[in-house]
C-alpha cells in the first residue's frame, strides 16, 4: 500500500470515528427524547442545529469523499477491514472524553482488532 493510500484510509477512518463521537456528544447535549407527531419539528430542529451534530455530519460528508478516493487506490478487501481501527479510536476517546467504561473485555476485544488489522495490512 502506498503512503498516499494509507493516509487516505487513515484519514477516512479518523473522520468517520470523529463523526461518531461528535454525534454522541451532540445527543448527550440534546438529551433523551422520543419522536411524536407533536414534537417532531421542535426535536428535529434541536437536533439539526446542535453544533456537535452539525460538525459530525460534516465529518461524515468529508469522510465519504476521502473514502471514495481511498477505494480508487486500494482493494476493498484491504480497505474495509481498516475501518476496524475506528472501533479502537472510538473506545479510547469515548473513555477519556465521554467517560464511557473501558473494561478488560473491551480492551481484549480491542487487542484482537489490532492484531486482525495488522494481519490484513500485511497480507
Protein backbone atom coordinates (compact mmCIF):
# COMPACT_ATOMS: atom_id res chain seq x y z
CA UNK A 1 0.00 0.00 0.00
CA UNK A 2 1.37 3.39 -0.96
CA UNK A 3 1.81 6.13 1.64
CA UNK A 4 -0.93 8.20 -0.05
CA UNK A 5 -3.39 5.28 0.01
CA UNK A 6 -2.59 4.62 3.67
CA UNK A 7 -3.03 8.30 4.51
CA UNK A 8 -6.40 8.37 2.74
CA UNK A 9 -7.61 5.25 4.55
CA UNK A 10 -6.43 6.54 7.93
CA UNK A 11 -7.95 9.97 7.29
CA UNK A 12 -11.27 8.41 6.26
CA UNK A 13 -11.30 6.18 9.33
CA UNK A 14 -10.44 9.03 11.70
CA UNK A 15 -13.05 11.32 10.17
CA UNK A 16 -15.65 8.57 10.49
CA UNK A 17 -14.68 7.93 14.10
CA UNK A 18 -14.78 11.67 14.81
CA UNK A 19 -18.26 11.85 13.30
CA UNK A 20 -19.49 9.10 15.65
CA UNK A 21 -18.01 10.79 18.70
CA UNK A 22 -19.40 14.18 17.74
CA UNK A 23 -22.86 12.72 17.14
CA UNK A 24 -22.74 11.10 20.57
CA UNK A 25 -21.64 14.38 22.18
CA UNK A 26 -24.49 16.11 20.35
CA UNK A 27 -27.07 13.62 21.55
CA UNK A 28 -25.70 13.99 25.08
CA UNK A 29 -26.22 17.75 24.77
CA UNK A 30 -29.76 17.34 23.39
CA UNK A 31 -30.71 14.70 25.95
CA UNK A 32 -33.03 11.74 25.73
CA UNK A 33 -36.03 12.29 23.52
CA UNK A 34 -38.76 10.44 21.72
CA UNK A 35 -40.34 11.43 18.47
CA UNK A 36 -44.08 12.00 18.45
CA UNK A 37 -46.14 13.87 15.89
CA UNK A 38 -46.46 16.81 18.27
CA UNK A 39 -42.71 17.19 18.89
CA UNK A 40 -41.10 16.06 15.64
CA UNK A 41 -40.46 19.63 14.42
CA UNK A 42 -39.04 21.05 17.69
CA UNK A 43 -36.87 18.00 18.37
CA UNK A 44 -35.81 17.80 14.73
CA UNK A 45 -34.75 21.45 14.79
CA UNK A 46 -32.93 20.99 18.10
CA UNK A 47 -31.00 18.06 16.63
CA UNK A 48 -30.38 19.72 13.27
CA UNK A 49 -28.86 22.83 14.79
CA UNK A 50 -26.87 21.22 17.59
CA UNK A 51 -23.20 22.20 16.88
CA UNK A 52 -21.69 18.77 17.67
CA UNK A 53 -24.23 17.05 15.42
CA UNK A 54 -23.65 19.53 12.60
CA UNK A 55 -19.89 19.03 12.85
CA UNK A 56 -20.32 15.26 12.99
CA UNK A 57 -22.40 15.32 9.81
CA UNK A 58 -19.73 17.44 8.11
CA UNK A 59 -17.10 14.88 9.16
CA UNK A 60 -19.24 12.13 7.59
CA UNK A 61 -19.51 14.08 4.33
CA UNK A 62 -15.77 14.68 4.11
CA UNK A 63 -15.01 11.09 5.15
CA UNK A 64 -17.18 9.84 2.28
CA UNK A 65 -15.16 11.79 -0.27
CA UNK A 66 -11.87 10.67 1.28
CA UNK A 67 -13.07 7.06 1.43
CA UNK A 68 -14.01 7.10 -2.25
CA UNK A 69 -10.52 8.38 -3.04
CA UNK A 70 -9.03 5.58 -0.93
CA UNK A 71 -11.14 2.92 -2.63
CA UNK A 72 -9.90 4.11 -6.01
CA UNK A 73 -6.37 3.16 -4.91
CA UNK A 74 -6.79 0.11 -2.64
CA UNK A 75 -8.74 -3.15 -3.00
CA UNK A 76 -11.88 -3.16 -0.87
CA UNK A 77 -10.72 -6.42 0.75
CA UNK A 78 -7.84 -4.43 2.25
CA UNK A 79 -9.55 -1.08 2.81
CA UNK A 80 -12.74 -2.25 4.51
CA UNK A 81 -11.07 -4.14 7.39
CA UNK A 82 -9.11 -0.96 8.15
CA UNK A 83 -12.40 0.60 9.28
CA UNK A 84 -11.94 -1.51 12.41
CA UNK A 85 -9.32 0.99 13.53
CA UNK A 86 -12.27 3.30 14.16
CA UNK A 87 -13.53 0.94 16.90
CA UNK A 88 -10.23 1.29 18.71
CA UNK A 89 -10.11 5.06 18.33
CA UNK A 90 -13.75 5.45 19.44
CA UNK A 91 -13.37 3.26 22.50
CA UNK A 92 -10.28 5.10 23.73
CA UNK A 93 -11.58 8.61 23.04
CA UNK A 94 -15.02 7.78 24.46
CA UNK A 95 -13.27 6.65 27.64
CA UNK A 96 -11.40 9.95 28.04
CA UNK A 97 -13.86 12.43 26.51
CA UNK A 98 -17.27 10.95 27.30
CA UNK A 99 -16.42 8.99 30.44
CA UNK A 100 -17.51 5.65 28.98
CA UNK A 101 -16.28 2.44 30.58
CA UNK A 102 -13.28 0.61 29.13
CA UNK A 103 -13.45 -2.83 30.73
CA UNK A 104 -10.97 -5.65 30.39
CA UNK A 105 -13.32 -7.40 27.95
CA UNK A 106 -13.37 -4.32 25.73
CA UNK A 107 -9.60 -3.99 25.93
CA UNK A 108 -9.20 -7.65 24.98
CA UNK A 109 -11.52 -7.12 22.01
CA UNK A 110 -9.53 -4.04 21.01
CA UNK A 111 -6.37 -6.15 21.14
CA UNK A 112 -7.94 -8.70 18.78
CA UNK A 113 -8.98 -5.92 16.42
CA UNK A 114 -5.46 -4.51 16.34
CA UNK A 115 -3.98 -7.94 15.63
CA UNK A 116 -6.55 -8.50 12.87
CA UNK A 117 -5.84 -5.16 11.22
CA UNK A 118 -2.09 -5.82 11.30
CA UNK A 119 -2.61 -9.25 9.74
CA UNK A 120 -4.83 -7.88 6.98
CA UNK A 121 -2.45 -4.99 6.29
CA UNK A 122 0.50 -7.40 5.93
CA UNK A 123 -1.33 -9.71 3.52
